[in-house]
Amino acid sequence: MDYSSVISNSFEYTKEALVGKWMQWIILAVLAFVQMLTASLIPLLSGYIVRVLSGKTPAPEVDGWGKLFVDGWKLNIIVLIYMIPAILVFLVLGGLSAFAGIGMGDEAGVGAAILGALAGAFLALIVAVILAFVALFAILRFAHTDSIGEAFNFGAIFAQIGALGWGTWIIAVIVLLIVAVVYVFVIGILSMIPILGWLIALFLNAAFALFYARYLALVYEEAPASA
């Protein structure tokens, strides 16, 4: 897969969607702010991102608010369900170790509790990272089929990832993470600009959401669909 071409195409898609279409960009920035302010309880931006993940070209209009809200919540639910194993690992391993250590009632017990909690958190992080590679693809399948059930059609998901190539998929996600790290670094610098910094970051965050959604959609479409 030509990752540089995917990045370039995603950038052009984002530019065509926003540059010169200032009202759409403003609306998306507002949706990003609302979603951040409500901790994704009003996930309208996520609902729009689902449309982009579905492969729509050119970028869709921001309309159909009810469906945006519903799709945003479907996305929330899919992510939550996929992260349940990681949450359980943290609660069981970290939580039990912490309670056992604290129950000893001395400094050694407190130290054991802290180490147990850290070990649980580390293992939970490993599980979460592994699950994230599958969950991302599941979200893409949901977006393309408009069926939340397809996000848990594991046979089809694994078959499709296999057709794309696990190595190709993992590298694609890592490339996107590298781009995200660079983006966060740039945003961190811009955010230091007095008054305007947070506003610039808000608009760029909306743009980056479109970019990564289009990037993932392009990678997904390289894999033949599996029933």
Protein backbone atom coordinates (compact mmCIF):
# COMPACT_ATOMS: atom_id res chain seq x y z
CA MET A 1 0.00 0.00 0.00
CA ASP A 2 1.23 3.49 -0.89
CA TYR A 3 0.76 5.20 2.47
CA SER A 4 2.05 8.55 1.24
CA SER A 5 -0.63 8.54 -1.45
CA VAL A 6 -3.31 7.72 1.12
CA ILE A 7 -2.12 10.61 3.28
CA SER A 8 -2.07 12.97 0.29
CA ASN A 9 -5.55 11.93 -0.85
CA SER A 10 -6.89 12.35 2.69
CA PHE A 11 -5.40 15.83 2.91
CA GLU A 12 -6.94 16.84 -0.43
CA TYR A 13 -10.32 15.44 0.64
CA THR A 14 -10.18 17.49 3.84
CA LYS A 15 -9.12 20.64 2.01
CA GLU A 16 -11.91 20.32 -0.54
CA ALA A 17 -14.42 19.72 2.26
CA LEU A 18 -13.50 22.79 4.30
CA VAL A 19 -11.50 25.42 2.43
CA GLY A 20 -13.95 27.85 0.88
CA LYS A 21 -16.84 26.17 2.70
CA TRP A 22 -16.41 28.22 5.84
CA MET A 23 -19.90 27.69 7.24
CA GLN A 24 -19.45 23.92 7.14
CA TRP A 25 -16.06 24.29 8.86
CA ILE A 26 -17.58 26.54 11.54
CA ILE A 27 -20.40 24.05 12.17
CA LEU A 28 -17.95 21.17 12.52
CA ALA A 29 -15.77 23.23 14.89
CA VAL A 30 -18.85 23.96 17.01
CA LEU A 31 -19.78 20.27 17.02
CA ALA A 32 -16.23 19.43 18.11
CA PHE A 33 -16.52 21.93 20.98
CA VAL A 34 -19.92 20.61 22.06
CA GLN A 35 -18.71 17.01 21.97
CA MET A 36 -15.65 17.90 24.04
CA LEU A 37 -17.73 19.92 26.51
CA THR A 38 -20.24 17.08 27.00
CA ALA A 39 -17.63 14.28 27.11
CA SER A 40 -19.18 12.77 23.96
CA LEU A 41 -22.69 12.66 25.43
CA ILE A 42 -23.72 14.76 22.42
CA PRO A 43 -21.61 12.99 19.78
CA LEU A 44 -22.75 14.88 16.70
CA LEU A 45 -19.21 15.22 15.35
CA SER A 46 -18.71 11.47 15.76
CA GLY A 47 -21.92 10.92 13.81
CA TYR A 48 -20.55 13.03 10.98
CA ILE A 49 -17.23 11.19 11.12
CA VAL A 50 -19.15 7.92 10.66
CA ARG A 51 -20.36 9.32 7.31
CA VAL A 52 -16.80 10.08 6.26
CA LEU A 53 -15.65 6.64 7.43
CA SER A 54 -18.33 5.11 5.21
CA GLY A 55 -16.39 6.34 2.16
CA LYS A 56 -18.74 9.07 0.96
CA THR A 57 -17.18 11.36 -1.66
CA PRO A 58 -17.09 14.26 -1.78
CA ALA A 59 -17.34 15.01 1.92
CA PRO A 60 -21.01 14.89 2.99
CA GLU A 61 -22.99 17.90 4.16
CA VAL A 62 -23.63 18.42 7.85
CA ASP A 63 -27.33 17.59 8.03
CA GLY A 64 -29.73 14.98 9.38
CA TRP A 65 -29.04 15.89 12.99
CA GLY A 66 -31.04 12.99 14.41
CA LYS A 67 -29.03 10.41 12.48
CA LEU A 68 -25.79 12.18 13.40
CA PHE A 69 -26.71 11.83 17.08
CA VAL A 70 -27.74 8.18 16.74
CA ASP A 71 -24.67 7.21 14.71
CA GLY A 72 -22.46 9.03 17.19
CA TRP A 73 -23.93 7.00 20.03
CA LYS A 74 -23.61 3.78 18.05
CA LEU A 75 -19.93 4.59 17.68
CA ASN A 76 -19.67 5.24 21.45
CA ILE A 77 -21.31 1.89 22.20
CA ILE A 78 -19.04 -0.04 19.81
CA VAL A 79 -15.92 1.49 21.38
CA LEU A 80 -17.19 0.81 24.92
CA ILE A 81 -18.00 -2.84 24.19
CA TYR A 82 -14.62 -3.45 22.59
CA MET A 83 -12.86 -1.92 25.58
CA ILE A 84 -14.73 -4.04 28.16
CA PRO A 85 -12.00 -6.75 28.27
CA ALA A 86 -9.33 -4.11 28.99
CA ILE A 87 -11.51 -2.55 31.69
CA LEU A 88 -12.08 -5.96 33.28
CA VAL A 89 -8.35 -6.73 33.24
CA PHE A 90 -7.64 -3.47 35.05
CA LEU A 91 -10.42 -3.97 37.59
CA VAL A 92 -9.62 -7.60 38.32
CA LEU A 93 -5.82 -7.56 38.31
CA GLY A 94 -5.15 -3.99 39.37
CA GLY A 95 -8.11 -3.64 41.69
CA LEU A 96 -7.69 -6.93 43.54
CA SER A 97 -3.95 -6.38 43.95
CA ALA A 98 -4.57 -2.91 45.29
CA PHE A 99 -7.19 -4.07 47.79
CA ALA A 100 -5.02 -6.96 48.94
CA GLY A 101 -2.04 -4.68 49.46
CA ILE A 102 -4.00 -2.03 51.33
CA GLY A 103 -5.50 -4.78 53.52
CA MET A 104 -2.02 -5.56 54.83
CA GLY A 105 -2.10 -2.19 56.57
CA ASP A 106 1.60 -1.27 56.40
CA GLU A 107 4.04 0.47 54.07
CA ALA A 108 4.89 -2.78 52.31
CA GLY A 109 1.18 -3.33 51.71
CA VAL A 110 0.75 0.14 50.26
CA GLY A 111 3.76 -0.43 48.01
CA ALA A 112 2.31 -3.76 46.87
CA ALA A 113 -1.03 -2.06 46.21
CA ILE A 114 0.61 0.58 44.04
CA LEU A 115 2.65 -1.99 42.12
CA GLY A 116 -0.43 -4.17 41.65
CA ALA A 117 -2.46 -1.26 40.33
CA LEU A 118 0.35 -0.28 37.95
CA ALA A 119 0.72 -3.87 36.73
CA GLY A 120 -3.02 -4.08 36.15
CA ALA A 121 -3.00 -0.78 34.28
CA PHE A 122 -0.07 -1.89 32.12
CA LEU A 123 -1.72 -5.19 31.19
CA ALA A 124 -5.01 -3.41 30.53
CA LEU A 125 -3.16 -1.00 28.23
CA ILE A 126 -1.66 -3.91 26.26
CA VAL A 127 -5.09 -5.52 25.90
CA ALA A 128 -6.61 -2.16 24.87
CA VAL A 129 -3.95 -1.63 22.17
CA ILE A 130 -4.50 -5.11 20.73
CA LEU A 131 -8.28 -4.67 20.76
CA ALA A 132 -7.99 -1.20 19.20
CA PHE A 133 -6.65 -2.65 15.93
CA VAL A 134 -9.76 -4.84 15.64
CA ALA A 135 -12.13 -2.17 16.98
CA LEU A 136 -11.01 0.38 14.38
CA PHE A 137 -11.73 -2.04 11.58
CA ALA A 138 -15.05 -2.96 13.19
CA ILE A 139 -16.03 0.72 13.27
CA LEU A 140 -15.19 1.01 9.58
CA ARG A 141 -17.33 -2.03 8.82
CA PHE A 142 -20.19 -0.51 10.82
CA ALA A 143 -19.85 2.77 8.91
CA HIS A 144 -19.85 1.04 5.52
CA THR A 145 -22.79 -1.27 6.27
CA ASP A 146 -24.80 1.08 8.52
CA SER A 147 -25.30 -1.90 10.83
CA ILE A 148 -24.02 -1.93 14.41
CA GLY A 149 -24.25 -5.73 14.34
CA GLU A 150 -21.57 -5.86 11.64
CA ALA A 151 -19.13 -4.29 14.09
CA PHE A 152 -19.28 -7.61 15.95
CA ASN A 153 -19.28 -9.92 12.93
CA PHE A 154 -15.87 -11.20 13.94
CA GLY A 155 -15.60 -13.83 11.22
CA ALA A 156 -16.13 -11.23 8.49
CA ILE A 157 -13.90 -8.68 10.23
CA PHE A 158 -10.95 -11.07 10.58
CA ALA A 159 -11.45 -12.35 7.03
CA GLN A 160 -11.41 -8.81 5.67
CA ILE A 161 -8.34 -7.81 7.67
CA GLY A 162 -6.68 -11.01 6.46
CA ALA A 163 -7.50 -10.10 2.86
CA LEU A 164 -5.97 -6.66 3.36
CA GLY A 165 -3.06 -8.12 5.29
CA TRP A 166 -2.55 -7.80 9.03
CA GLY A 167 0.85 -6.23 8.47
CA THR A 168 -0.62 -3.69 6.06
CA TRP A 169 -3.37 -2.80 8.53
CA ILE A 170 -1.07 -2.50 11.53
CA ILE A 171 1.41 -0.35 9.60
CA ALA A 172 -1.45 1.84 8.34
CA VAL A 173 -2.61 2.48 11.90
CA ILE A 174 0.95 3.16 13.10
CA VAL A 175 1.48 5.64 10.24
CA LEU A 176 -1.71 7.42 11.27
CA LEU A 177 -0.52 7.50 14.89
CA ILE A 178 2.77 9.08 13.79
CA VAL A 179 0.86 11.74 11.84
CA ALA A 180 -1.31 12.30 14.93
CA VAL A 181 1.76 12.78 17.16
CA VAL A 182 3.14 15.40 14.77
CA TYR A 183 -0.27 17.06 14.65
CA VAL A 184 -0.53 17.17 18.46
CA PHE A 185 2.94 18.71 18.65
CA VAL A 186 1.98 21.46 16.18
CA ILE A 187 -1.33 22.08 17.94
CA GLY A 188 0.50 22.33 21.26
CA ILE A 189 2.64 25.13 19.85
CA LEU A 190 -0.30 26.94 18.24
CA SER A 191 -2.33 26.67 21.45
CA MET A 192 0.21 28.87 23.19
CA ILE A 193 -0.87 31.84 21.06
CA PRO A 194 -2.80 34.15 23.43
CA ILE A 195 -6.59 34.20 22.97
CA LEU A 196 -6.61 32.88 19.39
CA GLY A 197 -4.69 29.70 20.13
CA TRP A 198 -7.62 27.65 21.43
CA LEU A 199 -9.83 28.86 18.57
CA ILE A 200 -7.27 27.83 15.95
CA ALA A 201 -6.91 24.45 17.67
CA LEU A 202 -10.68 23.95 17.64
CA PHE A 203 -10.93 24.50 13.88
CA LEU A 204 -7.87 22.36 13.17
CA ASN A 205 -9.22 19.55 15.39
CA ALA A 206 -12.37 19.42 13.25
CA ALA A 207 -10.22 19.28 10.12
CA PHE A 208 -7.99 16.55 11.53
CA ALA A 209 -11.06 14.47 12.41
CA LEU A 210 -12.03 14.53 8.71
CA PHE A 211 -8.47 13.72 7.69
CA TYR A 212 -8.10 10.62 9.85
CA ALA A 213 -11.58 9.37 8.98
CA ARG A 214 -10.87 9.66 5.26
CA TYR A 215 -7.46 8.02 5.74
CA LEU A 216 -9.02 5.01 7.47
CA ALA A 217 -11.80 4.80 4.88
CA LEU A 218 -9.25 4.64 2.06
CA VAL A 219 -7.28 1.90 3.79
CA TYR A 220 -10.47 -0.07 4.48
CA GLU A 221 -11.53 0.11 0.84
CA GLU A 222 -8.31 -1.65 -0.16
CA ALA A 223 -9.71 -4.81 1.44
CA PRO A 224 -12.41 -6.77 -0.42
CA ALA A 225 -15.68 -6.74 1.54
CA SER A 226 -16.53 -9.96 3.35
CA ALA A 227 -20.08 -11.12 4.02
